[in-house]
Amino acid sequence: MKLGSGTVLSKYQRLEAIGLWRETPEEQRREVIVHLGEATLVMTDPRSETALTHWSLPAVQRVNPGEEPAVFSPGSDSGESVEIEDEAMLAALRTVHSAVAAARPHPGRLRGVLIGGGIALGLILTTLVIPAVLFSHTARMVPLPKRADIGMRALDDVMRLTGAPCDKEIALPALARLAERVFGPEDTPILYILPEGLTRPAHLPGGVILLPKSLIEQDSPDALAGAALVEGVAAGLQDPLQPILKYAGVFASFELLTSGDLPDKALSGYGETLLARQPALPPQSNLIAAFSEAQLPLTPWARWLDAPPDETEALIAADPYRELTPGALMQDEDWMALQSVCAGS
């Protein structure tokens, strides 16, 4: 099975980590080397280098969400399991699992839901003929795996102009920990730092947040965390799929609604549109509430934003931590790893 968006996921191929594997629940755990391949997870004996088992990535699932250490299984009916604590491997499995879910076909469920929505939409369009109705209705009907797939296709087009995300392995765990610190452990977005071309943060369907390289050139990670949080707020206020559907057009959106997929060329050139956009900021009340809940200072992001002076001063004046010093966002070595992630690009 091809994972899709290979440009983004290729950085995880041949990743290795130590794990504790057992073939059945009754057996003792044994130390293994966990290899992440293009479509499989392989457990190998560290002494003999013999492969003990191969798991198909589409079947791999975490059996203890929210608990530590993370335990994975090759399927709900399997007795095999492996414990993994390596942060880089866990970050990779989260990203790869999203891509696998997006690539997995859902012919019965997806087609049934979308065709049913298409019939209802046809009745609406007969009387209203308003493209906005088509875009909003289609966005509501598209399931999460397909949204993630569309988001990765859009990211591939953006990377034509920006280059691939800065993805040195040393910084991946630090970036994953920062995302969890800002957004919490549930439905945590995936953060990508782009080396050039992107001047303002952006977001895509599937929980993808794009951040400019200039954010890791600051004195502290506060502006980076703040920019990611603001994009998360923006994504919650307007469905990230709708701008893509508007770009793709009425016919492409209707094809998505009725067949379950966008035409191959529907997102060609979308990168230029995304990079040229100058969206308005979310309402200040939403920003203040989000920064307060996340316990983040707002001022570093406001100064980095380089907005008109009156807007910047208003944001700084509303900073819930203006007179306080919240705890450090990350350890010094994590911040140094992030600052080196785009070195040489």
Protein backbone atom coordinates (compact mmCIF):
# COMPACT_ATOMS: atom_id res chain seq x y z
CA MET A 1 0.00 0.00 0.00
CA LYS A 2 1.38 3.38 -0.98
CA LEU A 3 1.23 5.90 1.84
CA GLY A 4 0.75 8.99 -0.33
CA SER A 5 2.45 12.37 -0.02
CA GLY A 6 5.77 10.60 -0.19
CA THR A 7 7.72 13.84 -0.24
CA VAL A 8 6.55 14.63 3.28
CA LEU A 9 6.75 11.10 4.72
CA SER A 10 10.05 9.96 3.18
CA LYS A 11 11.98 11.47 6.12
CA TYR A 12 10.62 8.71 8.36
CA GLN A 13 11.75 5.77 6.25
CA ARG A 14 14.49 3.63 7.86
CA LEU A 15 13.87 5.19 11.29
CA GLU A 16 14.85 2.82 14.12
CA ALA A 17 14.13 2.67 17.86
CA ILE A 18 14.37 0.27 20.80
CA GLY A 19 11.10 -1.46 21.76
CA LEU A 20 9.78 -4.20 24.07
CA TRP A 21 7.90 -6.82 22.02
CA ARG A 22 5.95 -9.89 22.88
CA GLU A 23 4.23 -12.30 20.53
CA THR A 24 1.39 -13.19 22.94
CA PRO A 25 0.06 -11.56 26.14
CA GLU A 26 1.35 -14.55 28.16
CA GLU A 27 4.96 -14.28 26.96
CA GLN A 28 7.76 -12.25 28.51
CA ARG A 29 8.62 -8.99 26.80
CA ARG A 30 11.88 -8.99 24.85
CA GLU A 31 14.00 -6.12 23.59
CA VAL A 32 13.84 -5.57 19.82
CA ILE A 33 14.87 -3.01 17.24
CA VAL A 34 11.79 -1.41 15.68
CA HIS A 35 12.32 -0.42 12.02
CA LEU A 36 9.87 1.93 10.28
CA GLY A 37 9.67 1.16 6.57
CA GLU A 38 7.60 2.55 3.72
CA ALA A 39 4.62 0.31 4.47
CA THR A 40 5.66 -1.94 7.36
CA LEU A 41 6.85 -1.88 10.96
CA VAL A 42 9.52 -4.57 11.48
CA MET A 43 10.70 -6.00 14.82
CA THR A 44 14.28 -7.37 14.69
CA ASP A 45 16.36 -9.32 17.21
CA PRO A 46 19.24 -6.97 18.17
CA ARG A 47 21.71 -9.86 18.50
CA SER A 48 21.05 -11.91 15.38
CA GLU A 49 19.49 -9.07 13.34
CA THR A 50 16.77 -11.57 12.37
CA ALA A 51 13.35 -10.15 11.60
CA LEU A 52 10.90 -11.50 14.18
CA THR A 53 7.70 -10.06 12.74
CA HIS A 54 6.39 -7.65 10.12
CA TRP A 55 3.36 -5.45 10.77
CA SER A 56 1.43 -3.69 8.04
CA LEU A 57 1.35 0.05 8.80
CA PRO A 58 -2.34 0.46 7.87
CA ALA A 59 -3.19 -2.08 10.62
CA VAL A 60 -0.99 -0.64 13.38
CA GLN A 61 -2.96 0.97 16.20
CA ARG A 62 -2.15 2.35 19.62
CA VAL A 63 -3.90 0.32 22.30
CA ASN A 64 -3.39 2.69 25.26
CA PRO A 65 -4.05 6.28 24.11
CA GLY A 66 -2.98 8.85 26.70
CA GLU A 67 -0.93 6.37 28.73
CA GLU A 68 2.83 5.86 28.93
CA PRO A 69 4.74 4.05 27.63
CA ALA A 70 2.93 3.86 24.29
CA VAL A 71 1.82 0.33 23.31
CA PHE A 72 1.04 -0.63 19.72
CA SER A 73 -0.60 -3.69 18.16
CA PRO A 74 -0.92 -4.89 14.55
CA GLY A 75 -4.71 -5.12 14.90
CA SER A 76 -7.49 -5.43 17.46
CA ASP A 77 -7.60 -9.22 17.15
CA SER A 78 -3.83 -9.73 17.50
CA GLY A 79 -2.03 -10.82 20.65
CA GLU A 80 1.23 -9.16 19.60
CA SER A 81 2.29 -5.85 21.11
CA VAL A 82 5.31 -3.56 21.32
CA GLU A 83 6.11 -0.79 23.79
CA ILE A 84 7.92 2.26 22.38
CA GLU A 85 9.25 5.28 24.31
CA ASP A 86 11.44 6.87 21.62
CA GLU A 87 9.98 10.32 20.89
CA ALA A 88 11.16 10.45 17.28
CA MET A 89 9.54 7.09 16.52
CA LEU A 90 6.29 8.11 18.26
CA ALA A 91 6.17 11.38 16.30
CA ALA A 92 6.82 9.47 13.09
CA LEU A 93 4.09 6.91 13.82
CA ARG A 94 1.56 9.68 14.48
CA THR A 95 2.35 11.40 11.18
CA VAL A 96 2.57 8.20 9.14
CA HIS A 97 -0.66 6.87 10.66
CA SER A 98 -2.49 10.03 9.54
CA ALA A 99 -1.16 9.61 6.00
CA VAL A 100 -2.05 5.90 5.93
CA ALA A 101 -5.59 6.67 7.11
CA ALA A 102 -5.91 9.32 4.41
CA ALA A 103 -4.72 6.91 1.72
CA ARG A 104 -6.96 4.02 2.78
CA PRO A 105 -10.00 3.64 0.46
CA HIS A 106 -13.47 3.80 1.99
CA PRO A 107 -15.60 2.86 -1.03
CA GLY A 108 -18.76 1.79 0.75
CA ARG A 109 -18.99 4.22 3.63
CA LEU A 110 -17.53 7.24 1.87
CA ARG A 111 -19.44 6.76 -1.36
CA GLY A 112 -22.71 6.16 0.48
CA VAL A 113 -22.36 9.26 2.65
CA LEU A 114 -21.21 11.51 -0.20
CA ILE A 115 -23.79 10.32 -2.73
CA GLY A 116 -26.52 10.84 -0.15
CA GLY A 117 -25.22 14.34 0.45
CA GLY A 118 -25.05 14.89 -3.31
CA ILE A 119 -28.75 14.14 -3.72
CA ALA A 120 -29.63 16.59 -0.96
CA LEU A 121 -27.30 19.18 -2.42
CA GLY A 122 -28.82 18.78 -5.86
CA LEU A 123 -32.18 19.86 -4.44
CA ILE A 124 -30.58 22.91 -2.84
CA LEU A 125 -28.72 23.92 -5.97
CA THR A 126 -31.86 23.57 -8.06
CA THR A 127 -33.45 26.44 -6.15
CA LEU A 128 -30.49 28.53 -4.95
CA VAL A 129 -27.60 27.98 -7.40
CA ILE A 130 -25.13 29.49 -4.95
CA PRO A 131 -21.58 28.09 -5.08
CA ALA A 132 -21.03 28.97 -1.42
CA VAL A 133 -23.72 26.45 -0.50
CA LEU A 134 -21.88 23.76 -2.45
CA PHE A 135 -18.54 24.53 -0.79
CA SER A 136 -19.87 24.60 2.77
CA HIS A 137 -22.06 21.53 2.29
CA THR A 138 -19.23 19.52 0.70
CA ALA A 139 -16.81 20.50 3.47
CA ARG A 140 -19.26 19.23 6.09
CA MET A 141 -19.68 15.89 4.32
CA VAL A 142 -16.00 15.03 3.72
CA PRO A 143 -14.73 12.57 6.39
CA LEU A 144 -11.51 13.09 8.33
CA PRO A 145 -9.26 10.69 6.35
CA LYS A 146 -10.17 12.36 3.06
CA ARG A 147 -9.67 15.83 4.60
CA ALA A 148 -6.17 14.78 5.66
CA ASP A 149 -5.45 13.47 2.16
CA ILE A 150 -6.55 16.77 0.57
CA GLY A 151 -4.45 18.73 3.08
CA MET A 152 -1.33 16.72 2.19
CA ARG A 153 -1.99 17.18 -1.54
CA ALA A 154 -2.21 20.93 -0.96
CA LEU A 155 1.04 20.84 1.06
CA ASP A 156 2.79 19.04 -1.79
CA ASP A 157 1.81 21.91 -4.11
CA VAL A 158 2.98 24.53 -1.59
CA MET A 159 6.37 22.80 -1.33
CA ARG A 160 7.00 23.48 -5.03
CA LEU A 161 7.60 27.07 -3.94
CA THR A 162 8.92 26.78 -0.38
CA GLY A 163 10.99 23.62 -0.52
CA ALA A 164 10.42 20.64 1.76
CA PRO A 165 9.83 21.28 5.48
CA CYS A 166 12.92 21.57 7.66
CA ASP A 167 12.87 18.07 9.09
CA LYS A 168 16.16 17.12 10.66
CA GLU A 169 15.46 14.21 12.99
CA ILE A 170 17.05 15.94 15.98
CA ALA A 171 14.29 18.57 15.99
CA LEU A 172 11.24 16.38 15.27
CA PRO A 173 10.66 15.34 18.91
CA ALA A 174 11.12 18.93 20.08
CA LEU A 175 8.55 20.17 17.56
CA ALA A 176 6.11 17.42 18.59
CA ARG A 177 6.55 18.29 22.28
CA LEU A 178 5.96 21.99 21.56
CA ALA A 179 2.74 21.17 19.68
CA GLU A 180 1.50 19.08 22.59
CA ARG A 181 2.44 21.84 25.06
CA VAL A 182 0.44 24.40 23.08
CA PHE A 183 -2.58 22.31 22.05
CA GLY A 184 -2.68 19.42 24.53
CA PRO A 185 -2.43 15.67 23.89
CA GLU A 186 -5.71 15.23 22.00
CA ASP A 187 -6.04 16.07 18.27
CA THR A 188 -2.62 17.75 18.34
CA PRO A 189 -1.81 19.47 15.01
CA ILE A 190 1.33 18.59 13.05
CA LEU A 191 3.73 21.55 12.81
CA TYR A 192 5.94 22.08 9.75
CA ILE A 193 8.63 24.77 9.44
CA LEU A 194 9.11 25.87 5.82
CA PRO A 195 12.52 27.24 4.77
CA GLU A 196 11.40 30.02 2.41
CA GLY A 197 8.47 31.66 0.66
CA LEU A 198 6.09 31.61 3.63
CA THR A 199 5.89 34.94 5.45
CA ARG A 200 2.79 34.33 7.55
CA PRO A 201 1.73 31.09 9.27
CA ALA A 202 -0.93 29.05 7.47
CA HIS A 203 -3.00 25.93 8.06
CA LEU A 204 -4.41 23.12 5.95
CA PRO A 205 -7.07 20.44 6.45
CA GLY A 206 -6.03 17.45 8.51
CA GLY A 207 -4.48 19.40 11.39
CA VAL A 208 -1.47 20.77 9.49
CA ILE A 209 0.06 24.10 10.55
CA LEU A 210 2.78 25.73 8.43
CA LEU A 211 5.25 28.09 10.12
CA PRO A 212 7.86 30.45 8.57
CA LYS A 213 11.54 29.88 9.23
CA SER A 214 11.81 33.38 10.74
CA LEU A 215 9.95 32.16 13.84
CA ILE A 216 12.87 29.95 14.89
CA GLU A 217 15.28 32.86 14.43
CA GLN A 218 13.82 34.64 17.47
CA ASP A 219 15.41 34.76 20.92
CA SER A 220 12.89 32.36 22.46
CA PRO A 221 10.23 29.85 21.33
CA ASP A 222 7.37 32.07 22.58
CA ALA A 223 6.67 33.66 19.18
CA LEU A 224 6.76 30.24 17.47
CA ALA A 225 4.29 28.79 19.98
CA GLY A 226 2.06 31.85 19.70
CA ALA A 227 1.97 31.73 15.90
CA ALA A 228 1.02 28.04 15.97
CA LEU A 229 -1.74 28.77 18.50
CA VAL A 230 -3.18 31.61 16.41
CA GLU A 231 -3.39 29.32 13.36
CA GLY A 232 -5.14 26.73 15.50
CA VAL A 233 -7.68 29.38 16.55
CA ALA A 234 -8.17 30.43 12.91
CA ALA A 235 -8.70 26.82 11.83
CA GLY A 236 -11.38 26.44 14.48
CA LEU A 237 -13.27 29.53 13.30
CA GLN A 238 -13.45 28.65 9.59
CA ASP A 239 -13.30 25.19 8.07
CA PRO A 240 -9.81 24.89 6.49
CA LEU A 241 -11.27 22.83 3.65
CA GLN A 242 -13.49 25.62 2.32
CA PRO A 243 -10.71 27.83 0.86
CA ILE A 244 -9.36 24.80 -0.99
CA LEU A 245 -12.78 23.95 -2.39
CA LYS A 246 -13.27 27.55 -3.52
CA TYR A 247 -9.93 27.38 -5.33
CA ALA A 248 -10.77 24.01 -6.90
CA GLY A 249 -14.10 25.34 -8.13
CA VAL A 250 -17.72 24.21 -8.36
CA PHE A 251 -17.23 21.24 -10.70
CA ALA A 252 -14.28 19.81 -8.76
CA SER A 253 -16.15 20.23 -5.48
CA PHE A 254 -19.23 18.52 -6.88
CA GLU A 255 -17.02 15.65 -8.09
CA LEU A 256 -15.62 15.32 -4.56
CA LEU A 257 -19.15 15.22 -3.19
CA THR A 258 -20.37 12.55 -5.60
CA SER A 259 -17.28 10.41 -6.23
CA GLY A 260 -15.30 10.88 -3.03
CA ASP A 261 -12.21 12.51 -4.55
CA LEU A 262 -10.97 15.74 -6.11
CA PRO A 263 -9.72 15.65 -9.73
CA ASP A 264 -5.96 15.17 -10.06
CA LYS A 265 -5.32 18.75 -11.24
CA ALA A 266 -7.78 20.46 -8.89
CA LEU A 267 -5.05 21.77 -6.55
CA SER A 268 -2.45 22.59 -9.19
CA GLY A 269 -1.15 26.11 -8.47
CA TYR A 270 -2.80 26.33 -5.04
CA GLY A 271 0.61 27.05 -3.49
CA GLU A 272 0.76 30.48 -5.10
CA THR A 273 -2.68 31.34 -3.73
CA LEU A 274 -1.83 30.20 -0.20
CA LEU A 275 1.48 32.09 -0.07
CA ALA A 276 -0.09 35.31 -1.40
CA ARG A 277 -2.96 35.35 1.08
CA GLN A 278 -3.15 38.02 3.80
CA PRO A 279 -5.93 36.78 6.07
CA ALA A 280 -7.36 38.87 8.87
CA LEU A 281 -6.46 37.86 12.40
CA PRO A 282 -9.06 36.06 14.53
CA PRO A 283 -11.05 38.36 16.83
CA GLN A 284 -8.98 39.64 19.73
CA SER A 285 -11.35 38.11 22.27
CA ASN A 286 -10.72 34.65 20.79
CA LEU A 287 -6.97 35.21 20.83
CA ILE A 288 -6.89 36.38 24.44
CA ALA A 289 -8.97 33.39 25.56
CA ALA A 290 -6.73 30.96 23.66
CA PHE A 291 -3.45 32.41 24.97
CA SER A 292 -4.82 32.48 28.50
CA GLU A 293 -5.98 28.86 28.34
CA ALA A 294 -2.67 27.71 26.83
CA GLN A 295 -0.73 29.80 29.39
CA LEU A 296 1.31 31.50 26.67
CA PRO A 297 2.53 35.11 26.51
CA LEU A 298 0.99 36.97 23.59
CA THR A 299 3.55 39.79 23.32
CA PRO A 300 6.40 37.90 21.55
CA TRP A 301 4.08 36.77 18.76
CA ALA A 302 2.53 40.27 18.47
CA ARG A 303 5.98 41.86 18.06
CA TRP A 304 7.06 39.25 15.48
CA LEU A 305 3.85 39.79 13.49
CA ASP A 306 4.94 43.30 12.46
CA ALA A 307 1.34 44.54 12.24
CA PRO A 308 0.42 48.26 12.17
CA PRO A 309 1.62 49.93 15.42
CA ASP A 310 -1.86 50.53 16.84
CA GLU A 311 -2.83 46.89 16.27
CA THR A 312 0.41 45.64 17.81
CA GLU A 313 0.01 47.86 20.88
CA ALA A 314 -3.59 46.72 21.34
CA LEU A 315 -2.49 43.07 21.29
CA ILE A 316 0.35 43.70 23.74
CA ALA A 317 -1.97 45.61 26.07
CA ALA A 318 -4.36 42.62 26.07
CA ASP A 319 -1.61 40.06 26.81
CA PRO A 320 -2.87 37.96 29.76
CA TYR A 321 0.77 37.40 30.80
CA ARG A 322 1.99 40.95 30.25
CA GLU A 323 2.94 41.40 33.90
CA LEU A 324 3.70 37.73 34.57
CA THR A 325 6.37 35.25 33.57
CA PRO A 326 4.88 31.88 32.56
CA GLY A 327 7.00 28.73 32.80
CA ALA A 328 9.51 27.88 30.09
CA LEU A 329 7.94 26.38 26.98
CA MET A 330 10.74 23.91 26.34
CA GLN A 331 14.18 22.92 27.51
CA ASP A 332 17.15 24.84 26.14
CA GLU A 333 18.43 21.85 24.17
CA ASP A 334 15.03 21.46 22.46
CA TRP A 335 15.02 25.12 21.44
CA MET A 336 18.58 24.86 20.13
CA ALA A 337 17.56 21.79 18.11
CA LEU A 338 14.68 23.72 16.57
CA GLN A 339 16.89 26.68 15.75
CA SER A 340 19.26 24.39 13.86
CA VAL A 341 16.51 22.62 11.94
CA CYS A 342 16.78 24.82 8.84
CA ALA A 343 20.53 25.35 9.01
CA GLY A 344 21.99 25.42 5.53
CA SER A 345 18.63 25.86 3.77
